[in-house]
Structures are given as C-alpha cells and as structure tokens.
Protein backbone atom coordinates (compact mmCIF):
# COMPACT_ATOMS: atom_id res chain seq x y z
CA MET A 1 -67.27 23.00 6.58
CA LEU A 2 -63.72 23.02 5.15
CA ARG A 3 -64.89 25.26 2.32
CA LEU A 4 -66.33 27.70 4.87
CA VAL A 5 -63.09 27.73 6.88
CA ALA A 6 -61.00 28.20 3.72
CA ARG A 7 -63.14 31.08 2.53
CA GLY A 8 -63.07 32.65 5.99
CA ALA A 9 -59.27 32.55 6.00
CA GLN A 10 -59.16 34.06 2.53
CA ALA A 11 -61.55 36.82 3.56
CA GLY A 12 -59.32 37.60 6.54
CA LEU A 13 -56.24 37.78 4.33
CA LEU A 14 -57.96 40.02 1.78
CA GLY A 15 -59.27 42.21 4.58
CA LEU A 16 -55.76 42.57 6.04
CA ALA A 17 -54.34 43.48 2.64
CA ALA A 18 -57.09 46.06 2.09
CA TYR A 19 -56.57 47.53 5.56
CA ASN A 20 -52.81 47.88 5.06
CA GLY A 21 -53.33 49.40 1.63
CA ALA A 22 -55.80 51.97 2.95
CA ILE A 23 -53.51 52.96 5.83
CA ALA A 24 -50.56 53.29 3.43
CA LEU A 25 -52.35 56.05 1.52
CA TRP A 26 -51.97 58.30 4.55
CA GLY A 27 -48.21 58.13 4.06
CA TRP A 28 -48.28 59.90 0.72
CA ARG A 29 -48.10 63.43 2.13
CA ASN A 30 -45.05 64.64 3.99
CA ARG A 31 -45.27 65.73 7.59
CA ARG A 32 -44.54 69.36 8.38
CA PRO A 33 -41.51 69.60 10.72
CA ALA A 34 -41.75 71.49 13.99
CA LEU A 35 -40.71 75.14 14.05
CA VAL A 36 -37.00 75.79 14.36
CA ARG A 37 -36.10 76.85 17.89
CA PRO A 38 -32.91 77.56 19.85
CA PRO A 39 -31.03 74.30 20.64
CA GLU A 40 -31.87 74.06 24.34
CA THR A 41 -32.67 70.36 24.86
CA ARG A 42 -30.11 68.34 26.81
CA PHE A 43 -29.56 64.89 25.30
CA ARG A 44 -28.16 61.77 26.92
CA VAL A 45 -26.89 59.68 24.00
CA VAL A 46 -26.43 55.99 24.75
CA ILE A 47 -24.91 53.38 22.42
CA PRO A 48 -25.22 49.75 23.58
CA ALA A 49 -22.34 47.84 21.97
CA HIS A 50 -21.33 44.19 22.16
CA ASN A 51 -18.03 43.50 20.38
CA GLU A 52 -18.47 46.31 17.85
CA GLY A 53 -14.83 47.35 17.57
CA ALA A 54 -14.92 47.02 13.76
CA VAL A 55 -17.60 49.66 13.28
CA ILE A 56 -18.10 51.82 16.36
CA ASP A 57 -15.55 54.50 15.53
CA ARG A 58 -17.71 55.75 12.64
CA ILE A 59 -20.67 56.75 14.80
CA LEU A 60 -18.36 58.23 17.43
CA THR A 61 -16.83 60.40 14.71
CA ASP A 62 -20.30 61.40 13.49
CA LEU A 63 -21.35 62.42 17.00
CA ALA A 64 -18.25 64.58 17.38
CA ALA A 65 -19.24 66.47 14.22
CA VAL A 66 -22.96 67.11 14.85
CA ALA A 67 -24.23 70.67 14.58
CA TYR A 68 -25.38 70.93 18.19
CA PRO A 69 -23.84 72.56 21.30
CA ARG A 70 -21.38 70.12 22.84
CA ASP A 71 -22.36 71.12 26.39
CA ARG A 72 -25.88 69.81 25.72
CA LEU A 73 -24.71 66.34 24.61
CA ASP A 74 -23.65 63.63 27.04
CA VAL A 75 -22.53 60.55 25.09
CA CYS A 76 -21.94 57.18 26.73
CA VAL A 77 -21.09 53.82 25.13
CA ILE A 78 -22.30 50.76 27.02
CA ALA A 79 -19.53 48.24 26.42
CA ASP A 80 -21.77 45.25 27.03
CA ARG A 81 -19.79 42.09 27.91
CA CYS A 82 -17.19 43.00 25.27
CA THR A 83 -14.16 40.83 24.58
CA ASP A 84 -12.68 43.02 21.83
CA GLY A 85 -11.43 46.59 21.75
CA THR A 86 -14.85 48.31 21.77
CA ALA A 87 -14.37 49.92 25.19
CA ASP A 88 -10.89 51.25 24.41
CA ILE A 89 -11.98 52.72 21.06
CA ALA A 90 -14.98 54.43 22.65
CA ARG A 91 -13.05 55.71 25.66
CA ALA A 92 -10.76 57.70 23.38
CA ARG A 93 -13.71 59.92 22.40
CA TRP A 94 -16.58 59.64 24.90
CA ARG A 95 -17.62 58.13 28.23
CA VAL A 96 -17.85 54.34 28.62
CA ALA A 97 -19.91 52.22 31.00
CA GLU A 98 -18.70 48.61 31.09
CA ARG A 99 -21.20 45.85 31.79
CA ASN A 100 -19.54 42.49 32.39
CA ASP A 101 -22.43 40.17 33.25
CA GLY A 102 -26.21 39.91 33.17
CA LYS A 103 -28.74 38.86 30.57
CA PRO A 104 -27.63 39.58 26.98
CA GLY A 105 -29.54 42.04 24.85
CA LYS A 106 -30.09 45.74 24.34
CA GLY A 107 -33.05 46.03 26.70
CA PRO A 108 -31.23 44.56 29.72
CA ALA A 109 -28.14 46.66 28.92
CA LEU A 110 -30.16 49.89 28.77
CA SER A 111 -32.06 49.03 31.96
CA TRP A 112 -28.77 48.32 33.74
CA TYR A 113 -27.26 51.58 32.55
CA LEU A 114 -30.25 53.74 33.51
CA ASN A 115 -30.28 52.16 36.96
CA GLN A 116 -26.65 53.21 37.31
CA GLU A 117 -27.09 56.68 35.80
CA PRO A 118 -30.74 57.82 35.83
CA LEU A 119 -31.84 60.59 33.49
CA GLY A 120 -31.97 64.10 34.88
CA ASN A 121 -35.28 65.97 35.08
CA HIS A 122 -34.88 67.68 31.72
CA GLU A 123 -32.71 65.17 29.87
CA VAL A 124 -33.87 63.36 26.74
CA LEU A 125 -32.53 59.85 26.11
CA VAL A 126 -31.34 59.05 22.58
CA VAL A 127 -30.41 55.46 21.66
CA PHE A 128 -28.24 54.42 18.72
CA ASP A 129 -26.74 51.14 17.55
CA ALA A 130 -22.98 50.92 17.15
CA ASP A 131 -23.12 50.51 13.36
CA ASN A 132 -25.29 53.58 12.73
CA ARG A 133 -24.34 56.72 10.83
CA VAL A 134 -25.79 59.95 12.20
CA PRO A 135 -26.42 63.17 10.22
CA GLU A 136 -25.21 66.43 11.68
CA GLU A 137 -28.70 67.96 11.88
CA LEU A 138 -30.31 65.13 13.88
CA PHE A 139 -30.15 66.65 17.37
CA ALA A 140 -31.36 70.05 16.21
CA ARG A 141 -34.40 68.35 14.65
CA PHE A 142 -34.98 66.24 17.77
CA SER A 143 -34.78 69.38 19.90
CA ASP A 144 -37.35 71.19 17.75
CA GLU A 145 -39.81 68.29 18.01
CA ILE A 146 -39.31 67.94 21.78
CA ALA A 147 -39.93 71.68 22.18
CA ALA A 148 -43.13 71.26 20.14
CA GLY A 149 -44.45 68.87 22.78
CA HIS A 150 -43.62 65.43 21.38
CA ASP A 151 -41.94 63.15 23.89
CA VAL A 152 -41.13 60.02 21.85
CA LEU A 153 -39.38 60.35 18.48
CA GLN A 154 -38.18 57.88 15.86
CA ALA A 155 -35.81 58.94 13.08
CA TYR A 156 -36.09 57.53 9.56
CA LEU A 157 -34.20 54.23 9.41
CA ASP A 158 -32.21 54.14 6.20
CA VAL A 159 -29.87 51.40 4.97
CA SER A 160 -26.09 51.88 4.75
CA ASN A 161 -25.32 48.79 2.62
CA PRO A 162 -28.10 48.31 0.03
CA ASP A 163 -25.63 46.94 -2.53
CA ALA A 164 -23.94 44.40 -0.25
CA SER A 165 -26.03 41.47 -1.59
CA PRO A 166 -29.45 40.74 -3.11
CA LEU A 167 -30.78 40.16 0.42
CA ALA A 168 -29.46 43.52 1.60
CA THR A 169 -31.11 45.16 -1.41
CA ALA A 170 -34.38 43.40 -0.62
CA SER A 171 -34.20 44.55 3.00
CA ALA A 172 -33.50 48.11 1.87
CA LEU A 173 -36.51 48.11 -0.46
CA SER A 174 -38.70 46.75 2.32
CA TYR A 175 -37.52 49.45 4.75
CA TRP A 176 -37.81 52.27 2.21
CA ALA A 177 -41.38 51.31 1.35
CA GLY A 178 -42.43 50.65 4.94
CA ASN A 179 -40.97 53.91 6.22
CA ARG A 180 -43.53 55.88 4.24
CA MET A 181 -46.41 53.39 3.92
CA VAL A 182 -46.35 52.20 7.53
CA GLN A 183 -44.44 54.63 9.72
CA LEU A 184 -45.16 58.04 8.23
CA ALA A 185 -48.74 56.97 7.52
CA ARG A 186 -49.39 56.23 11.18
CA THR A 187 -47.86 59.50 12.35
CA ASN A 188 -49.98 61.39 9.81
CA LEU A 189 -53.03 59.62 11.24
CA GLY A 190 -52.08 60.69 14.76
CA TRP A 191 -51.34 57.08 15.71
CA SER A 192 -48.06 55.63 16.88
CA ALA A 193 -45.20 54.66 14.59
CA ASP A 194 -43.08 51.64 15.46
CA LEU A 195 -39.90 52.07 17.43
CA GLY A 196 -36.94 50.85 15.39
CA GLY A 197 -34.58 49.98 18.23
CA THR A 198 -32.20 52.79 17.22
CA GLY A 199 -32.45 56.46 16.28
CA MET A 200 -35.11 56.94 18.93
CA ALA A 201 -35.54 59.64 21.60
CA PHE A 202 -37.52 59.62 24.87
CA THR A 203 -38.24 62.25 27.46
CA ARG A 204 -37.76 61.10 31.02
CA ASP A 205 -41.50 61.49 31.64
CA ALA A 206 -42.41 59.21 28.71
CA LEU A 207 -39.97 56.50 29.80
CA GLU A 208 -41.29 56.59 33.35
CA ALA A 209 -44.90 56.46 32.14
CA ALA A 210 -44.09 53.32 30.13
CA GLY A 211 -42.06 51.66 32.89
CA GLY A 212 -38.68 51.88 31.19
CA PHE A 213 -37.01 49.30 28.96
CA GLY A 214 -38.03 45.66 29.14
CA THR A 215 -35.98 42.51 28.80
CA SER A 216 -37.67 40.84 25.83
CA LEU A 217 -35.83 39.87 22.63
CA THR A 218 -37.49 42.88 20.98
CA GLU A 219 -37.26 45.58 23.62
CA ASP A 220 -38.38 48.21 21.13
CA GLN A 221 -41.70 46.46 20.41
CA GLU A 222 -42.30 45.85 24.10
CA LEU A 223 -41.63 49.49 24.94
CA GLY A 224 -43.78 50.59 21.99
CA ALA A 225 -46.74 48.61 23.34
CA ARG A 226 -46.35 50.10 26.81
CA LEU A 227 -45.99 53.61 25.40
CA ALA A 228 -49.21 53.09 23.44
CA LEU A 229 -51.06 52.01 26.58
CA ALA A 230 -49.63 55.08 28.37
CA ASN A 231 -50.92 57.30 25.52
CA ARG A 232 -47.43 58.36 24.45
CA PRO A 233 -47.41 57.95 20.64
CA VAL A 234 -44.15 57.53 18.75
CA VAL A 235 -43.69 60.37 16.23
CA TRP A 236 -41.94 59.41 12.99
CA LEU A 237 -39.50 61.98 11.58
CA HIS A 238 -39.36 61.27 7.87
CA ASP A 239 -36.98 64.12 7.11
CA VAL A 240 -34.03 63.12 9.30
CA ARG A 241 -32.27 59.83 8.56
CA ILE A 242 -29.87 57.59 10.35
CA TYR A 243 -28.14 54.77 8.50
CA ASP A 244 -28.13 51.17 9.67
CA GLU A 245 -26.36 48.12 8.25
CA LYS A 246 -28.60 45.22 7.19
CA PRO A 247 -27.59 41.53 7.06
CA SER A 248 -26.26 40.49 3.66
CA THR A 249 -26.30 36.68 4.06
CA VAL A 250 -29.11 34.18 4.51
CA LYS A 251 -27.64 32.99 7.83
CA ALA A 252 -27.47 36.48 9.31
CA THR A 253 -30.90 37.44 7.95
CA VAL A 254 -32.58 34.33 9.33
CA GLY A 255 -30.78 34.70 12.67
CA GLN A 256 -31.78 38.33 13.12
CA ARG A 257 -35.37 37.92 11.95
CA SER A 258 -35.91 34.75 13.99
CA ARG A 259 -35.02 36.76 17.07
CA TRP A 260 -37.37 39.54 15.96
CA MET A 261 -40.24 37.12 15.32
CA ALA A 262 -39.79 35.25 18.59
CA GLY A 263 -39.65 38.53 20.49
CA LYS A 264 -42.67 39.94 18.69
CA ARG A 265 -44.69 36.82 19.51
CA ALA A 266 -43.69 37.06 23.19
CA VAL A 267 -44.68 40.74 23.30
CA ALA A 268 -48.03 39.94 21.68
CA THR A 269 -48.68 37.24 24.30
CA VAL A 270 -48.42 39.84 27.05
CA TYR A 271 -49.74 43.03 25.46
CA LEU A 272 -52.24 42.10 22.74
CA GLY A 273 -55.01 41.51 25.30
CA PRO A 274 -54.55 44.85 27.10
CA LEU A 275 -54.20 46.75 23.83
CA TRP A 276 -57.36 45.35 22.27
CA ALA A 277 -59.34 45.40 25.53
CA THR A 278 -58.53 49.08 25.97
CA ALA A 279 -59.26 49.72 22.29
CA LEU A 280 -62.68 48.07 22.66
CA ARG A 281 -63.46 50.00 25.84
CA THR A 282 -62.39 53.39 24.48
CA GLY A 283 -63.10 52.94 20.78
CA SER A 284 -59.45 53.64 19.98
CA LEU A 285 -58.41 52.64 16.46
CA ARG A 286 -54.86 53.62 17.42
CA LEU A 287 -54.66 50.88 20.06
CA PHE A 288 -56.39 48.35 17.80
CA ASP A 289 -53.78 49.07 15.14
CA GLN A 290 -50.94 48.77 17.66
CA GLY A 291 -52.15 45.29 18.59
CA LEU A 292 -52.67 44.26 14.98
CA ARG A 293 -49.07 45.22 14.19
CA LEU A 294 -47.95 42.65 16.79
CA VAL A 295 -49.74 39.70 15.22
CA GLN A 296 -49.93 40.28 11.46
CA PRO A 297 -47.33 38.78 9.12
CA GLY A 298 -45.13 41.00 6.98
CA ARG A 299 -46.67 42.85 4.04
CA SER A 300 -44.38 41.11 1.54
CA PHE A 301 -45.39 37.70 2.85
CA VAL A 302 -49.10 38.57 2.63
CA ALA A 303 -48.55 39.62 -0.99
CA LEU A 304 -46.68 36.39 -1.71
CA VAL A 305 -49.49 34.27 -0.21
CA SER A 306 -51.97 36.22 -2.32
CA GLY A 307 -49.96 35.31 -5.41
CA VAL A 308 -50.02 31.64 -4.43
CA ALA A 309 -53.79 31.85 -3.90
CA THR A 310 -54.16 33.41 -7.35
CA ILE A 311 -52.36 30.48 -8.96
CA GLY A 312 -54.24 27.93 -6.85
CA SER A 313 -57.59 29.44 -7.74
CA ALA A 314 -56.78 29.72 -11.45
CA VAL A 315 -55.38 26.19 -11.74
CA THR A 316 -57.83 24.22 -9.59
CA ARG A 317 -61.01 26.26 -10.11
CA SER A 318 -61.95 24.87 -6.69
CA PRO A 319 -65.02 26.37 -4.98
CA ALA A 320 -62.88 26.56 -1.83
CA PHE A 321 -61.06 29.50 -3.44
CA PHE A 322 -62.43 32.91 -4.19
CA PRO A 323 -62.48 33.45 -7.99
CA TRP A 324 -59.01 33.98 -9.38
CA PRO A 325 -59.69 37.52 -10.71
CA ILE A 326 -60.29 38.65 -7.12
CA TRP A 327 -56.97 37.20 -6.03
CA ALA A 328 -55.18 38.51 -9.11
CA ALA A 329 -56.45 42.05 -8.42
CA ALA A 330 -55.43 41.82 -4.74
CA THR A 331 -51.99 40.46 -5.61
CA GLY A 332 -51.36 43.06 -8.27
CA ALA A 333 -52.41 45.89 -5.95
CA GLN A 334 -50.11 44.70 -3.17
CA PHE A 335 -47.08 44.26 -5.41
CA LEU A 336 -47.57 47.50 -7.34
CA LEU A 337 -48.64 49.89 -4.58
CA PRO A 338 -45.17 50.35 -3.01
CA ILE A 339 -43.57 51.42 -6.31
CA PRO A 340 -44.99 54.98 -6.42
CA PHE A 341 -44.17 55.42 -2.74
CA LEU A 342 -40.58 54.37 -3.38
CA ALA A 343 -40.37 56.77 -6.31
CA ARG A 344 -41.82 59.58 -4.18
CA ASP A 345 -38.92 59.19 -1.76
CA GLY A 346 -36.39 59.41 -4.54
CA VAL A 347 -35.29 55.78 -4.61
CA PRO A 348 -32.94 55.56 -7.61
CA PRO A 349 -34.13 53.63 -10.71
CA ARG A 350 -31.37 51.03 -10.25
CA TYR A 351 -33.10 49.92 -7.03
CA LEU A 352 -36.62 50.17 -8.44
CA ALA A 353 -35.48 47.76 -11.15
CA ARG A 354 -34.60 45.28 -8.41
CA TYR A 355 -38.00 45.55 -6.76
CA PRO A 356 -38.87 41.86 -7.43
CA LEU A 357 -36.10 40.96 -4.95
CA LEU A 358 -38.62 41.67 -2.19
CA ALA A 359 -39.83 38.14 -2.86
CA LEU A 360 -36.57 36.95 -1.24
CA VAL A 361 -37.56 38.44 2.10
CA ALA A 362 -41.10 37.11 1.77
CA SER A 363 -39.91 33.57 0.93
CA LEU A 364 -37.85 33.41 4.13
CA TRP A 365 -40.90 34.03 6.34
CA VAL A 366 -41.83 30.35 6.74
CA PRO A 367 -38.36 29.06 7.74
CA ILE A 368 -37.95 32.05 10.06
CA ARG A 369 -41.34 31.29 11.61
CA VAL A 370 -40.32 27.66 12.19
CA ILE A 371 -36.95 28.56 13.72
CA SER A 372 -38.43 31.30 15.91
CA SER A 373 -40.97 28.81 17.32
CA ARG A 374 -38.26 26.61 18.76
CA THR A 375 -37.53 26.87 22.44
CA GLY A 376 -34.28 28.50 23.37
CA VAL A 377 -34.28 31.30 20.78
CA ASP A 378 -32.05 33.91 22.41
CA TRP A 379 -30.40 37.21 21.66
CA TYR A 380 -28.71 37.17 18.27
CA HIS A 381 -25.77 39.49 17.69
CA THR A 382 -25.94 40.55 14.04
CA PRO A 383 -22.47 40.62 12.49
CA HIS A 384 -21.37 43.95 11.02
CA GLY A 385 -18.77 44.74 8.40
CA SER A 386 -16.06 47.37 8.55
CA ASP A 387 -16.73 48.86 5.10
CA ASP A 388 -18.85 51.99 4.94
CA GLN A 389 -21.24 51.65 2.01
CA VAL A 390 -23.69 54.44 2.76
CA SER A 391 -25.86 55.15 -0.29
CA ARG A 392 -27.75 58.31 0.62
CA LEU A 393 -31.24 58.80 -0.71
CA PRO A 394 -32.71 62.28 -1.12
CA SER A 395 -34.33 63.66 2.04
CA ALA A 396 -38.07 63.91 1.98
C-alpha cells in the first residue's frame, strides 16, 4: 500500500513537471503588440504607499516624464497609515489621499480609495507600487492594448536590484524565467497571465465584472481568480517593463513569501472549487490552469524535490521509487529548460553563470510553508532601500 501511495505521489510530481514544461514552450515566441493608435485612453494611476518616503520620489519623477498627454493622466498616491514623510513628498508632485485607519494591505487600501473616488465611465485604473520604476512608453503601450479590446493588462515585472545579494539574484532569475515560461506562455495560449500586484491596468467594466479588489493577503491572486471566472483574461505585455525591488535578506524574503503563500492558500480555499467546477462543466483548460496555479508549489521547488528523488532512488534502489534514470531525466530537464529562455530574453552571461542560485529560493520553500501555516500571518511590509540599482535587460 505504501509503495502504491509513494508511486502515485511521484507520478503526480512528474506529471506536474511535464505539464509545466509543455506550457513553457508556448512562451518561446514573442507576442505581437497591438497597433499604434492615438493616445486617447484616460488613466487613473494609483500608488498605495505605506511609509515609503525613502523610495517614492523616484516613481513620481518617472511619472512626470512619461511620453503621454498629461491631461489624460490622473495620478494619486494613497498614503496608507503613514508615519513618515510619504504624504508630503507625494503632495509636492501629485494628488494624495490619506488613509489613517482600516485593515492593512494593498487590497483594503485600493477598495477604500475607489469607494471614495470611483472610476469614471472611460477611465482605466493603473496600479503601481511605491518602489517601482516606470518607462516613458508604458502608458502609450497600455493605451494601444486597451484600444485593441483588452481590458486587463499586466506589464513585465523586472527586478531593479539583481546584484543586491545572492537572494536578490536568485529572485531575479526566477522572475526572468517565469515571465516568459509562465506569463507570456499563458497569454500566447489565450489563457490568463497572473496579476503581479503592480504594473497592472483594468478597465472599469472589468473591475466591476470581477467585483473589485478583495481584502486577502494576496489581493492580486484573489482578483485574478475572479477575473478568470468573469472571463476577463489578464494579457501579459512582455515588451514593456516596470522595475521592482526584491528582498535581499533571508528575513525579508521569508516574511514576504510567507505572506504570499498564506494568501495564496486562502484564495485557493475560496476559489479553487468554483474554478475547477466551471472548468469541468465547460471543458475550459484555461480555468483548470488558473486553479492549478493556486495550489501547485513553485517550479524551482518541484525541480529540487525531483533532484532529491533522483538521489534517493539511486542510493536506495527501493521499489518505492521510480528508477533513478527517470528521475535524473526529469530533474535535468527542469533545471536546464529555463536557461535557453533566459538567454532568449537577453539575460547577461554574468547572471546565467549564477543560475544555480535558484536553489536558494527553492530551499526556502519548506520553512516558508511552515511559517505561512501559522495562525496570525498578516500583511508584511517589505522593506525597501533608497539606492537605485536598476540593471536594465534588453526589451523583448
């Protein structure tokens, strides 16, 4: 019986790895951008910020320099329960809405703001984090895609500090690989990419169809699930990049990812059933995939477990394991597959040489899983530095 259970678990893991590998192949080709049109879309740009005085001026400066008509941009910083100078810094350049109480977190802050200042009929909401860097062409590209009929957009999430520490480098490599193998692949398939919590745009109609922002620890995943059920796929724009700072210490990485994992599990508890029930009823692979994304572990962790299974099978020769050559082939495929995708996106050789650092992120999965399972996991405010370390990769 135990042998049957063990082999069933191994078959599931191998099946998941094969599924992810097959989907990744769809990310090899680039997506054709929408036709260039006159810049007519009106954008409401909102930046939720909790004690971000050290970094917020950079994105405010970027927004002042974008190549888009100023009369079609309305920028507002939500100074969310701030005790530093965030509100004063923001007020010198753009509008500020101060929120002094309520549940912490981006989702509650955005819901509060939109209740105070609802979107107009033809406004598109754009959400950024306070530590982001924004390219000057972003709004023109968003406008083209909105005019082409897409009503939920997600910009490429690049990393501003890949050299800050080995962990930051590992996070950057994970994002760079996933952006093409996971996000672009799903858009090329006509499915829904994941919302990244920042660099995202929504028409008013799409937000209303999905019921607006939720209050979970991962408001982007919750909204993504509701958008999927409302048949409003998230379109990934691989050719326009915003830059986001990643944690560079173990403490910050574990704190951030524990919040992500706890939130993801809570979202799965509510939405996995409806997603898979609707997928079964309609035969929708898109909705099945959306649900699977909520419950599967990270790709790096699956590869790491495959490596452990390879060693276990080779050392013990136990009949409970699949033969070690099977595991060795699966492990090798998972570890090697991202490398050509990284090279295709122009990741410099100095980062490709550090590719084994991805094992750092994978090795933290178990402690993060344990911490995220504890009761009382709440919003975690990721600390940001004041140094701008943007290392721009070539655009796709």
